[in-house]
Amino acid sequence: MEDTKRLGLAFLVILISALIVKLINKFFVFSFTPTLLTFLIVISLFLFGMILNKSRKRRNPAVFKKVISILLVVLLMLMQMGYFTLPFMKNTFDFFGVDAFYINMIYIFCGFMFAD
């Protein structure tokens, strides 16, 4: 029953975030709408990763992983919004073929790592 609740909650996050993004995309036509959508998508993916890592084991109280995951999410989000660029990261992403799909996977992994 616990697994059903945990996976149901993850599915609920998917549905609610999809609905919110769809409604904002349809009814908000402002200059900051793309930024707001990117922010909401990042938060949804991070939350989805956190919910997937709800294990029964005792959590590690170490702060280092949490700080690294938050810094990585903020850095990637600012780069995706175009507010901040690092030439070596752009070159690295281009070399490995990292695009929005893989960056979204990194957001989920950071949420997973944050909840650990």
Protein backbone atom coordinates (compact mmCIF):
# COMPACT_ATOMS: atom_id res chain seq x y z
CA MET A 1 0.00 0.00 0.00
CA GLU A 2 2.89 2.34 0.76
CA ASP A 3 4.34 1.88 -2.74
CA THR A 4 0.96 2.64 -4.30
CA LYS A 5 0.70 5.83 -2.26
CA ARG A 6 4.25 6.89 -3.18
CA LEU A 7 3.81 6.19 -6.89
CA GLY A 8 0.33 7.74 -6.87
CA LEU A 9 1.80 10.90 -5.41
CA ALA A 10 4.45 10.97 -8.16
CA PHE A 11 1.72 10.52 -10.77
CA LEU A 12 -0.29 13.31 -9.13
CA VAL A 13 2.73 15.63 -9.40
CA ILE A 14 2.92 14.85 -13.12
CA LEU A 15 -0.78 15.58 -13.66
CA ILE A 16 -0.90 18.76 -11.59
CA SER A 17 2.28 20.20 -13.07
CA ALA A 18 1.09 19.42 -16.61
CA LEU A 19 -2.23 21.12 -15.87
CA ILE A 20 -0.60 24.20 -14.36
CA VAL A 21 1.86 24.56 -17.26
CA LYS A 22 -0.97 24.14 -19.79
CA LEU A 23 -3.16 26.73 -18.04
CA ILE A 24 -0.34 29.26 -17.72
CA ASN A 25 0.65 28.71 -21.34
CA LYS A 26 -2.94 29.28 -22.45
CA PHE A 27 -4.06 32.18 -20.24
CA PHE A 28 -0.90 34.13 -19.39
CA VAL A 29 0.45 36.12 -22.31
CA PHE A 30 3.08 38.30 -20.72
CA SER A 31 6.74 38.91 -21.44
CA PHE A 32 7.78 36.82 -18.41
CA THR A 33 5.64 33.78 -19.28
CA PRO A 34 8.50 31.69 -20.77
CA THR A 35 10.60 32.36 -17.65
CA LEU A 36 7.68 31.40 -15.41
CA LEU A 37 7.10 28.21 -17.41
CA THR A 38 10.76 27.22 -17.20
CA PHE A 39 10.75 27.85 -13.46
CA LEU A 40 7.60 25.76 -12.94
CA ILE A 41 8.93 22.91 -15.06
CA VAL A 42 12.21 22.86 -13.10
CA ILE A 43 10.35 22.85 -9.78
CA SER A 44 8.05 20.07 -11.00
CA LEU A 45 10.93 17.89 -12.16
CA PHE A 46 12.87 18.45 -8.94
CA LEU A 47 9.78 17.62 -6.85
CA PHE A 48 9.16 14.53 -8.97
CA GLY A 49 12.70 13.31 -8.27
CA MET A 50 12.27 13.96 -4.56
CA ILE A 51 9.03 11.98 -4.42
CA LEU A 52 10.60 9.04 -6.24
CA ASN A 53 13.27 8.80 -3.52
CA LYS A 54 10.98 8.30 -0.57
CA SER A 55 12.66 5.20 0.79
CA ARG A 56 12.13 3.58 4.16
CA LYS A 57 15.80 3.80 5.05
CA ARG A 58 17.14 6.44 7.38
CA ARG A 59 18.12 9.62 5.57
CA ASN A 60 21.71 10.78 5.39
CA PRO A 61 21.95 14.07 7.34
CA ALA A 62 24.87 15.29 5.20
CA VAL A 63 24.31 18.74 3.76
CA PHE A 64 26.92 18.60 0.99
CA LYS A 65 24.76 16.63 -1.47
CA LYS A 66 21.80 18.92 -0.84
CA VAL A 67 23.85 22.06 -1.45
CA ILE A 68 25.42 20.63 -4.62
CA SER A 69 22.04 19.56 -5.99
CA ILE A 70 20.46 22.98 -5.33
CA LEU A 71 23.43 24.84 -6.83
CA LEU A 72 23.36 22.62 -9.91
CA VAL A 73 19.63 23.15 -10.38
CA VAL A 74 19.94 26.93 -10.04
CA LEU A 75 22.93 27.04 -12.41
CA LEU A 76 21.19 24.93 -15.07
CA MET A 77 17.93 26.85 -14.69
CA LEU A 78 19.66 30.22 -15.12
CA MET A 79 21.51 28.87 -18.14
CA GLN A 80 18.28 27.55 -19.63
CA MET A 81 16.57 30.90 -19.13
CA GLY A 82 19.49 32.70 -20.76
CA TYR A 83 20.42 34.82 -17.73
CA PHE A 84 23.78 33.18 -17.18
CA THR A 85 26.19 31.31 -19.43
CA LEU A 86 29.46 29.54 -18.87
CA PRO A 87 31.36 28.96 -22.12
CA PHE A 88 33.04 25.77 -20.91
CA MET A 89 29.69 24.26 -19.84
CA LYS A 90 28.12 25.14 -23.17
CA ASN A 91 31.05 23.54 -24.99
CA THR A 92 30.85 20.47 -22.75
CA PHE A 93 27.09 20.14 -23.31
CA ASP A 94 27.58 20.50 -27.06
CA PHE A 95 30.36 17.89 -27.06
CA PHE A 96 28.27 15.32 -25.19
CA GLY A 97 25.05 16.23 -27.00
CA VAL A 98 23.26 17.39 -23.88
CA ASP A 99 19.99 19.10 -24.76
CA ALA A 100 16.79 19.95 -22.86
CA PHE A 101 15.81 16.29 -22.42
CA TYR A 102 19.03 15.43 -20.60
CA ILE A 103 18.93 18.61 -18.58
CA ASN A 104 15.45 17.61 -17.43
CA MET A 105 16.87 14.25 -16.40
CA ILE A 106 19.54 16.10 -14.39
CA TYR A 107 16.79 18.05 -12.60
CA ILE A 108 15.07 14.80 -11.64
CA PHE A 109 18.38 13.32 -10.48
CA CYS A 110 19.09 16.42 -8.37
CA GLY A 111 15.67 16.08 -6.71
CA PHE A 112 16.37 12.40 -6.10
CA MET A 113 19.79 13.25 -4.62
CA PHE A 114 18.32 16.06 -2.48
CA ALA A 115 15.83 13.69 -0.84
CA ASP A 116 18.51 11.10 -0.08
